[in-house]
Amino acid sequence: MAHRSGPSGPPPAINAAVEALSGCEGKSVILFATCGGGQAKNTLSFLTEALAAKGVRVRGEFVFDKNEVENPPAKIDVLIAAVKSVGGSEIKAAV
């Protein structure tokens, strides 16, 4: 799951998307968020809690600030490896 975070948590559209999830019990996800500052960590905490309530296992969290998105560091390679390790070929095709 990915999104741009706000200062107090996920934007309403992301909250609605998580709320609408069904049939996801036992699935694993890697979360990542982009932000202009340091607020994304709060967003990931909110999302982790909401997804856990749906039975989803969060297997990793990544935050990318503006500079990291514009000039991708090795951290993006770590994100890609994490996604591949969780989902196999299905997620690999979506990356």
C-alpha atoms as a PDB file:
ATOM      1  CA  MET A   1       0.000   0.000   0.000  1.00  0.00           C
ATOM      2  CA  ALA A   2       1.278   3.440  -0.776  1.00  0.00           C
ATOM      3  CA  HIS A   3       0.084   6.956  -0.287  1.00  0.00           C
ATOM      4  CA  ARG A   4       1.071  10.502   0.458  1.00  0.00           C
ATOM      5  CA  SER A   5       0.602  11.161   4.162  1.00  0.00           C
ATOM      6  CA  GLY A   6      -0.887  14.076   6.036  1.00  0.00           C
ATOM      7  CA  PRO A   7       0.204  15.554   9.375  1.00  0.00           C
ATOM      8  CA  SER A   8      -2.266  13.558  11.470  1.00  0.00           C
ATOM      9  CA  GLY A   9      -2.563  10.295   9.602  1.00  0.00           C
ATOM     10  CA  PRO A  10      -3.764   8.943   6.297  1.00  0.00           C
ATOM     11  CA  PRO A  11      -5.921  11.086   4.031  1.00  0.00           C
ATOM     12  CA  PRO A  12      -9.662  10.289   4.049  1.00  0.00           C
ATOM     13  CA  ALA A  13      -9.435   8.387   0.759  1.00  0.00           C
ATOM     14  CA  ILE A  14      -6.847   6.003   2.212  1.00  0.00           C
ATOM     15  CA  ASN A  15      -8.909   5.519   5.371  1.00  0.00           C
ATOM     16  CA  ALA A  16     -11.935   4.700   3.197  1.00  0.00           C
ATOM     17  CA  ALA A  17      -9.919   2.236   1.109  1.00  0.00           C
ATOM     18  CA  VAL A  18      -8.697   0.391   4.205  1.00  0.00           C
ATOM     19  CA  GLU A  19     -12.206   0.385   5.658  1.00  0.00           C
ATOM     20  CA  ALA A  20     -13.567  -1.130   2.429  1.00  0.00           C
ATOM     21  CA  LEU A  21     -11.052  -3.995   2.367  1.00  0.00           C
ATOM     22  CA  SER A  22     -12.569  -7.450   2.638  1.00  0.00           C
ATOM     23  CA  GLY A  23     -11.206 -10.954   2.312  1.00  0.00           C
ATOM     24  CA  CYS A  24      -7.730  -9.824   3.277  1.00  0.00           C
ATOM     25  CA  GLU A  25      -7.311 -11.838   6.473  1.00  0.00           C
ATOM     26  CA  GLY A  26      -3.921 -13.534   6.615  1.00  0.00           C
ATOM     27  CA  LYS A  27      -2.453 -11.462   3.776  1.00  0.00           C
ATOM     28  CA  SER A  28       0.910  -9.730   4.157  1.00  0.00           C
ATOM     29  CA  VAL A  29       1.715  -6.200   3.018  1.00  0.00           C
ATOM     30  CA  ILE A  30       4.630  -3.812   2.832  1.00  0.00           C
ATOM     31  CA  LEU A  31       3.616  -0.212   3.553  1.00  0.00           C
ATOM     32  CA  PHE A  32       5.330   2.826   2.160  1.00  0.00           C
ATOM     33  CA  ALA A  33       4.511   6.496   2.250  1.00  0.00           C
ATOM     34  CA  THR A  34       5.910   9.701   0.834  1.00  0.00           C
ATOM     35  CA  CYS A  35       6.040  12.964   2.711  1.00  0.00           C
ATOM     36  CA  GLY A  36       7.514  16.429   2.646  1.00  0.00           C
ATOM     37  CA  GLY A  37       8.484  16.209   6.302  1.00  0.00           C
ATOM     38  CA  GLY A  38       8.478  13.714   9.134  1.00  0.00           C
ATOM     39  CA  GLN A  39       4.753  13.076   9.531  1.00  0.00           C
ATOM     40  CA  ALA A  40       4.573   9.833   7.539  1.00  0.00           C
ATOM     41  CA  LYS A  41       5.654   7.668  10.471  1.00  0.00           C
ATOM     42  CA  ASN A  42       2.394   8.579  12.264  1.00  0.00           C
ATOM     43  CA  THR A  43       0.468   7.654   9.137  1.00  0.00           C
ATOM     44  CA  LEU A  44       2.129   4.249   8.957  1.00  0.00           C
ATOM     45  CA  SER A  45       1.268   3.614  12.608  1.00  0.00           C
ATOM     46  CA  PHE A  46      -2.398   4.408  11.906  1.00  0.00           C
ATOM     47  CA  LEU A  47      -2.410   2.184   8.827  1.00  0.00           C
ATOM     48  CA  THR A  48      -0.675  -0.684  10.614  1.00  0.00           C
ATOM     49  CA  GLU A  49      -3.302  -0.618  13.354  1.00  0.00           C
ATOM     50  CA  ALA A  50      -6.209  -0.399  10.887  1.00  0.00           C
ATOM     51  CA  LEU A  51      -4.840  -3.235   8.760  1.00  0.00           C
ATOM     52  CA  ALA A  52      -4.182  -5.423  11.818  1.00  0.00           C
ATOM     53  CA  ALA A  53      -7.859  -5.008  12.721  1.00  0.00           C
ATOM     54  CA  LYS A  54      -8.637  -6.477   9.271  1.00  0.00           C
ATOM     55  CA  GLY A  55      -6.295  -9.433   9.875  1.00  0.00           C
ATOM     56  CA  VAL A  56      -3.530  -8.122   7.591  1.00  0.00           C
ATOM     57  CA  ARG A  57       0.114  -8.602   8.578  1.00  0.00           C
ATOM     58  CA  VAL A  58       2.362  -5.605   7.954  1.00  0.00           C
ATOM     59  CA  ARG A  59       5.761  -7.067   7.081  1.00  0.00           C
ATOM     60  CA  GLY A  60       7.613  -3.786   6.556  1.00  0.00           C
ATOM     61  CA  GLU A  61       7.288  -0.012   6.582  1.00  0.00           C
ATOM     62  CA  PHE A  62       9.167   2.548   4.504  1.00  0.00           C
ATOM     63  CA  VAL A  63       9.022   6.338   4.499  1.00  0.00           C
ATOM     64  CA  PHE A  64      10.404   8.356   1.597  1.00  0.00           C
ATOM     65  CA  ASP A  65      10.808  12.106   1.865  1.00  0.00           C
ATOM     66  CA  LYS A  66      10.818  14.435  -1.141  1.00  0.00           C
ATOM     67  CA  ASN A  67      14.572  14.102  -1.714  1.00  0.00           C
ATOM     68  CA  GLU A  68      14.464  10.316  -1.595  1.00  0.00           C
ATOM     69  CA  VAL A  69      11.693  10.200  -4.184  1.00  0.00           C
ATOM     70  CA  GLU A  70      13.433  12.635  -6.529  1.00  0.00           C
ATOM     71  CA  ASN A  71      16.865  11.001  -6.116  1.00  0.00           C
ATOM     72  CA  PRO A  72      16.158   7.361  -5.285  1.00  0.00           C
ATOM     73  CA  PRO A  73      18.617   5.896  -2.790  1.00  0.00           C
ATOM     74  CA  ALA A  74      19.469   2.286  -2.075  1.00  0.00           C
ATOM     75  CA  LYS A  75      16.467   2.319   0.297  1.00  0.00           C
ATOM     76  CA  ILE A  76      14.207   1.862  -2.741  1.00  0.00           C
ATOM     77  CA  ASP A  77      16.098  -1.313  -3.622  1.00  0.00           C
ATOM     78  CA  VAL A  78      15.422  -2.555  -0.082  1.00  0.00           C
ATOM     79  CA  LEU A  79      11.704  -1.767  -0.527  1.00  0.00           C
ATOM     80  CA  ILE A  80      11.581  -3.675  -3.823  1.00  0.00           C
ATOM     81  CA  ALA A  81      13.333  -6.672  -2.267  1.00  0.00           C
ATOM     82  CA  ALA A  82      10.882  -6.639   0.662  1.00  0.00           C
ATOM     83  CA  VAL A  83       7.878  -6.561  -1.678  1.00  0.00           C
ATOM     84  CA  LYS A  84       9.257  -9.412  -3.757  1.00  0.00           C
ATOM     85  CA  SER A  85       9.932 -11.516  -0.672  1.00  0.00           C
ATOM     86  CA  VAL A  86       6.350 -11.140   0.584  1.00  0.00           C
ATOM     87  CA  GLY A  87       4.336 -11.589  -2.576  1.00  0.00           C
ATOM     88  CA  GLY A  88       6.249 -13.592  -5.103  1.00  0.00           C
ATOM     89  CA  SER A  89       5.412 -13.145  -8.761  1.00  0.00           C
ATOM     90  CA  GLU A  90       2.063 -11.396  -8.210  1.00  0.00           C
ATOM     91  CA  ILE A  91       3.658  -8.422  -6.480  1.00  0.00           C
ATOM     92  CA  LYS A  92       6.754  -8.520  -8.658  1.00  0.00           C
ATOM     93  CA  ALA A  93       4.571  -7.787 -11.680  1.00  0.00           C
ATOM     94  CA  ALA A  94       3.014  -4.792  -9.911  1.00  0.00           C
ATOM     95  CA  VAL A  95       6.348  -3.169  -8.979  1.00  0.00           C
END
